[in-house]
C-alpha atoms as a PDB file:
ATOM      1  CA  MET A   1       6.987  21.054   7.121  1.00  0.00           C
ATOM      2  CA  ASN A   2       8.802  20.528  10.902  1.00  0.00           C
ATOM      3  CA  ASN A   3      12.103  21.947   9.196  1.00  0.00           C
ATOM      4  CA  TYR A   4      10.231  25.720   8.634  1.00  0.00           C
ATOM      5  CA  SER A   5      10.288  27.863  11.371  1.00  0.00           C
ATOM      6  CA  PRO A   6       7.340  28.054  13.773  1.00  0.00           C
ATOM      7  CA  GLN A   7       7.422  31.949  13.153  1.00  0.00           C
ATOM      8  CA  ASP A   8       7.206  31.386   9.363  1.00  0.00           C
ATOM      9  CA  PRO A   9       3.439  32.220   8.400  1.00  0.00           C
ATOM     10  CA  LEU A  10       3.421  30.281   5.439  1.00  0.00           C
ATOM     11  CA  ALA A  11       5.071  27.160   6.351  1.00  0.00           C
ATOM     12  CA  THR A  12       2.514  27.852   9.345  1.00  0.00           C
ATOM     13  CA  ALA A  13      -0.077  28.339   6.639  1.00  0.00           C
ATOM     14  CA  SER A  14       1.042  25.771   4.964  1.00  0.00           C
ATOM     15  CA  ARG A  15       0.772  22.530   7.886  1.00  0.00           C
ATOM     16  CA  LEU A  16      -2.788  23.943   8.292  1.00  0.00           C
ATOM     17  CA  ALA A  17      -3.358  23.232   4.904  1.00  0.00           C
ATOM     18  CA  ILE A  18      -2.082  19.536   5.326  1.00  0.00           C
ATOM     19  CA  GLY A  19      -3.976  19.075   8.352  1.00  0.00           C
ATOM     20  CA  LEU A  20      -7.133  20.541   6.923  1.00  0.00           C
ATOM     21  CA  SER A  21      -6.372  18.363   3.765  1.00  0.00           C
ATOM     22  CA  THR A  22      -5.979  15.358   5.899  1.00  0.00           C
ATOM     23  CA  LEU A  23      -8.380  16.195   8.113  1.00  0.00           C
ATOM     24  CA  LEU A  24     -11.486  16.063   5.189  1.00  0.00           C
ATOM     25  CA  THR A  25      -9.824  13.267   2.856  1.00  0.00           C
ATOM     26  CA  TYR A  26      -9.416  10.529   5.666  1.00  0.00           C
ATOM     27  CA  PRO A  27     -12.682   9.365   5.481  1.00  0.00           C
ATOM     28  CA  LEU A  28     -13.056   8.670   1.484  1.00  0.00           C
ATOM     29  CA  VAL A  29      -9.935   6.979   1.892  1.00  0.00           C
ATOM     30  CA  PHE A  30     -10.788   4.952   4.640  1.00  0.00           C
ATOM     31  CA  ILE A  31     -13.807   3.668   3.060  1.00  0.00           C
ATOM     32  CA  GLY A  32     -11.890   2.822   0.055  1.00  0.00           C
ATOM     33  CA  PHE A  33      -9.563   1.175   2.386  1.00  0.00           C
ATOM     34  CA  ARG A  34     -12.653  -0.774   4.527  1.00  0.00           C
ATOM     35  CA  ASP A  35     -13.773  -1.765   1.265  1.00  0.00           C
ATOM     36  CA  GLY A  36     -11.131  -3.656   0.059  1.00  0.00           C
ATOM     37  CA  VAL A  37     -10.493  -5.290   3.530  1.00  0.00           C
ATOM     38  CA  LEU A  38     -14.017  -6.805   2.893  1.00  0.00           C
ATOM     39  CA  ASP A  39     -13.523  -7.478  -0.561  1.00  0.00           C
ATOM     40  CA  LEU A  40     -10.337  -9.395   0.772  1.00  0.00           C
ATOM     41  CA  LEU A  41     -12.020 -11.032   3.322  1.00  0.00           C
ATOM     42  CA  HIS A  42     -14.512 -12.274   1.096  1.00  0.00           C
ATOM     43  CA  ALA A  43     -17.571 -11.148   3.049  1.00  0.00           C
ATOM     44  CA  PRO A  44     -20.774 -11.899   1.428  1.00  0.00           C
ATOM     45  CA  VAL A  45     -22.758  -9.062   0.491  1.00  0.00           C
ATOM     46  CA  GLU A  46     -25.869 -11.041   2.953  1.00  0.00           C
ATOM     47  CA  ARG A  47     -23.339 -10.351   6.080  1.00  0.00           C
ATOM     48  CA  GLN A  48     -22.254  -6.895   5.472  1.00  0.00           C
ATOM     49  CA  THR A  49     -24.728  -5.430   7.843  1.00  0.00           C
ATOM     50  CA  SER A  50     -24.795  -2.213   9.141  1.00  0.00           C
ATOM     51  CA  ARG A  51     -23.592  -3.599  12.581  1.00  0.00           C
ATOM     52  CA  ASN A  52     -20.488  -5.354  10.677  1.00  0.00           C
ATOM     53  CA  VAL A  53     -19.097  -3.062   9.038  1.00  0.00           C
ATOM     54  CA  ASP A  54     -19.227  -0.900  11.885  1.00  0.00           C
ATOM     55  CA  LEU A  55     -17.619  -3.227  13.592  1.00  0.00           C
ATOM     56  CA  LEU A  56     -15.129  -3.484  11.477  1.00  0.00           C
ATOM     57  CA  THR A  57     -14.525  -0.001  10.836  1.00  0.00           C
ATOM     58  CA  VAL A  58     -13.626   0.947  14.756  1.00  0.00           C
ATOM     59  CA  VAL A  59     -11.271  -2.554  14.840  1.00  0.00           C
ATOM     60  CA  LEU A  60      -9.979  -1.009  12.053  1.00  0.00           C
ATOM     61  CA  LEU A  61      -9.486   2.325  13.254  1.00  0.00           C
ATOM     62  CA  ALA A  62      -8.268   1.221  16.800  1.00  0.00           C
ATOM     63  CA  ILE A  63      -5.553  -1.088  14.629  1.00  0.00           C
ATOM     64  CA  LEU A  64      -4.569   2.175  12.233  1.00  0.00           C
ATOM     65  CA  THR A  65      -4.129   4.176  15.764  1.00  0.00           C
ATOM     66  CA  VAL A  66      -2.186   2.035  17.342  1.00  0.00           C
ATOM     67  CA  THR A  67      -0.209   1.612  14.648  1.00  0.00           C
ATOM     68  CA  ALA A  68       0.184   5.377  14.523  1.00  0.00           C
ATOM     69  CA  ILE A  69       1.100   5.497  18.062  1.00  0.00           C
ATOM     70  CA  PHE A  70       4.633   4.016  17.883  1.00  0.00           C
ATOM     71  CA  VAL A  71       5.048   4.374  14.467  1.00  0.00           C
ATOM     72  CA  THR A  72       6.530   8.078  14.253  1.00  0.00           C
ATOM     73  CA  ASP A  73       8.424   7.961  11.091  1.00  0.00           C
ATOM     74  CA  LEU A  74       6.701   8.127   7.652  1.00  0.00           C
ATOM     75  CA  GLY A  75       9.564   7.467   5.897  1.00  0.00           C
ATOM     76  CA  LEU A  76      10.224   4.047   6.994  1.00  0.00           C
ATOM     77  CA  ILE A  77       6.188   3.654   5.867  1.00  0.00           C
ATOM     78  CA  ASN A  78       6.907   5.685   3.054  1.00  0.00           C
ATOM     79  CA  ALA A  79      10.073   3.138   2.012  1.00  0.00           C
ATOM     80  CA  VAL A  80       9.162  -0.339   2.847  1.00  0.00           C
ATOM     81  CA  GLY A  81       5.350   0.516   1.108  1.00  0.00           C
ATOM     82  CA  GLY A  82       6.657   2.163  -2.202  1.00  0.00           C
ATOM     83  CA  GLY A  83       9.280  -0.509  -2.166  1.00  0.00           C
ATOM     84  CA  THR A  84       6.686  -3.219  -2.218  1.00  0.00           C
ATOM     85  CA  LEU A  85       4.355  -1.720  -4.130  1.00  0.00           C
ATOM     86  CA  ALA A  86       7.027  -0.776  -6.799  1.00  0.00           C
ATOM     87  CA  THR A  87       8.493  -4.364  -7.075  1.00  0.00           C
ATOM     88  CA  ALA A  88       5.035  -5.503  -7.175  1.00  0.00           C
ATOM     89  CA  LEU A  89       4.196  -3.279 -10.187  1.00  0.00           C
ATOM     90  CA  CYS A  90       7.370  -3.716 -12.222  1.00  0.00           C
ATOM     91  CA  PHE A  91       8.235  -7.171 -11.641  1.00  0.00           C
ATOM     92  CA  VAL A  92       5.420  -8.990 -10.194  1.00  0.00           C
ATOM     93  CA  PHE A  93       1.920  -8.039 -12.173  1.00  0.00           C
ATOM     94  CA  PRO A  94       3.677  -8.137 -15.759  1.00  0.00           C
ATOM     95  CA  ALA A  95       5.330 -11.038 -15.411  1.00  0.00           C
ATOM     96  CA  LEU A  96       1.644 -13.018 -14.292  1.00  0.00           C
ATOM     97  CA  MET A  97      -0.142 -11.201 -16.687  1.00  0.00           C
ATOM     98  CA  TYR A  98       1.856 -12.321 -19.339  1.00  0.00           C
ATOM     99  CA  ARG A  99       2.152 -15.971 -18.098  1.00  0.00           C
ATOM    100  CA  GLN A 100      -1.851 -15.695 -18.169  1.00  0.00           C
ATOM    101  CA  ALA A 101      -2.304 -14.336 -21.377  1.00  0.00           C
ATOM    102  CA  VAL A 102       0.063 -16.679 -22.984  1.00  0.00           C
ATOM    103  CA  ARG A 103      -1.659 -19.676 -21.130  1.00  0.00           C
ATOM    104  CA  GLN A 104      -4.767 -18.479 -22.706  1.00  0.00           C
ATOM    105  CA  GLU A 105      -3.316 -18.013 -26.144  1.00  0.00           C
ATOM    106  CA  ARG A 106      -1.917 -21.762 -26.085  1.00  0.00           C
ATOM    107  CA  THR A 107       1.834 -20.372 -27.847  1.00  0.00           C
ATOM    108  CA  GLY A 108       4.465 -22.198 -27.672  1.00  0.00           C
ATOM    109  CA  ALA A 109       6.716 -19.381 -25.614  1.00  0.00           C
ATOM    110  CA  GLU A 110       7.470 -21.799 -22.648  1.00  0.00           C
ATOM    111  CA  ARG A 111      11.000 -19.728 -22.942  1.00  0.00           C
ATOM    112  CA  GLU A 112       9.498 -16.449 -22.882  1.00  0.00           C
ATOM    113  CA  VAL A 113       7.471 -17.110 -19.871  1.00  0.00           C
ATOM    114  CA  MET A 114      10.257 -18.309 -17.780  1.00  0.00           C
ATOM    115  CA  PHE A 115      12.510 -15.463 -18.447  1.00  0.00           C
ATOM    116  CA  ALA A 116       9.611 -13.440 -17.322  1.00  0.00           C
ATOM    117  CA  MET A 117       9.031 -15.651 -14.418  1.00  0.00           C
ATOM    118  CA  ILE A 118      13.533 -15.132 -13.506  1.00  0.00           C
ATOM    119  CA  LEU A 119      12.822 -11.407 -13.879  1.00  0.00           C
ATOM    120  CA  MET A 120      10.497 -11.681 -11.709  1.00  0.00           C
ATOM    121  CA  VAL A 121      11.947 -13.684  -8.860  1.00  0.00           C
ATOM    122  CA  VAL A 122      14.865 -11.136  -9.578  1.00  0.00           C
ATOM    123  CA  GLY A 123      12.838  -8.359  -9.297  1.00  0.00           C
ATOM    124  CA  VAL A 124      11.438  -9.416  -5.790  1.00  0.00           C
ATOM    125  CA  VAL A 125      14.772 -10.682  -4.765  1.00  0.00           C
ATOM    126  CA  LEU A 126      15.674  -6.833  -5.094  1.00  0.00           C
ATOM    127  CA  GLY A 127      12.649  -5.348  -3.536  1.00  0.00           C
ATOM    128  CA  LEU A 128      13.117  -7.690  -0.704  1.00  0.00           C
ATOM    129  CA  VAL A 129      16.932  -6.253  -0.585  1.00  0.00           C
ATOM    130  CA  GLY A 130      15.678  -2.510  -1.116  1.00  0.00           C
ATOM    131  CA  VAL A 131      12.888  -2.968   1.891  1.00  0.00           C
ATOM    132  CA  TRP A 132      15.455  -4.838   4.553  1.00  0.00           C
ATOM    133  CA  GLU A 133      17.777  -1.772   4.169  1.00  0.00           C
ATOM    134  CA  ALA A 134      15.183   0.487   4.634  1.00  0.00           C
ATOM    135  CA  ILE A 135      14.464  -0.773   7.575  1.00  0.00           C
ATOM    136  CA  ALA A 136      18.142  -1.530   8.547  1.00  0.00           C
ATOM    137  CA  THR A 137      19.088   2.131   8.236  1.00  0.00           C
ATOM    138  CA  ASN A 138      16.305   3.057  10.324  1.00  0.00           C
END
């Protein structure tokens, strides 16, 4: 939105709409993020008291705020996040799911599993190259 003139009323309205959208949807997204962190940390339910959850909320908000102060190029964040998530979705997760499905079925598909694992490694290498290139160009 910075490419548009500050005197353009529609661009100003768009900036206002984007700001309002961010302001009003951030709590919903943040609660999902916080709950995901709790799951990732394997926090027992009995330890998830209001005090502990509030403390985690303050710590996560502080980390995000400090990161937002120092990282001003959202294109880099999108490139790195997109590169890693796209690689995981396209190469890593399908190969791991296929390997697990074949293990459960106990079929003789070792060659196919090996091929899927090789494709996964190639995909991860390509994803790392893409992320490296995104970081290097910025």
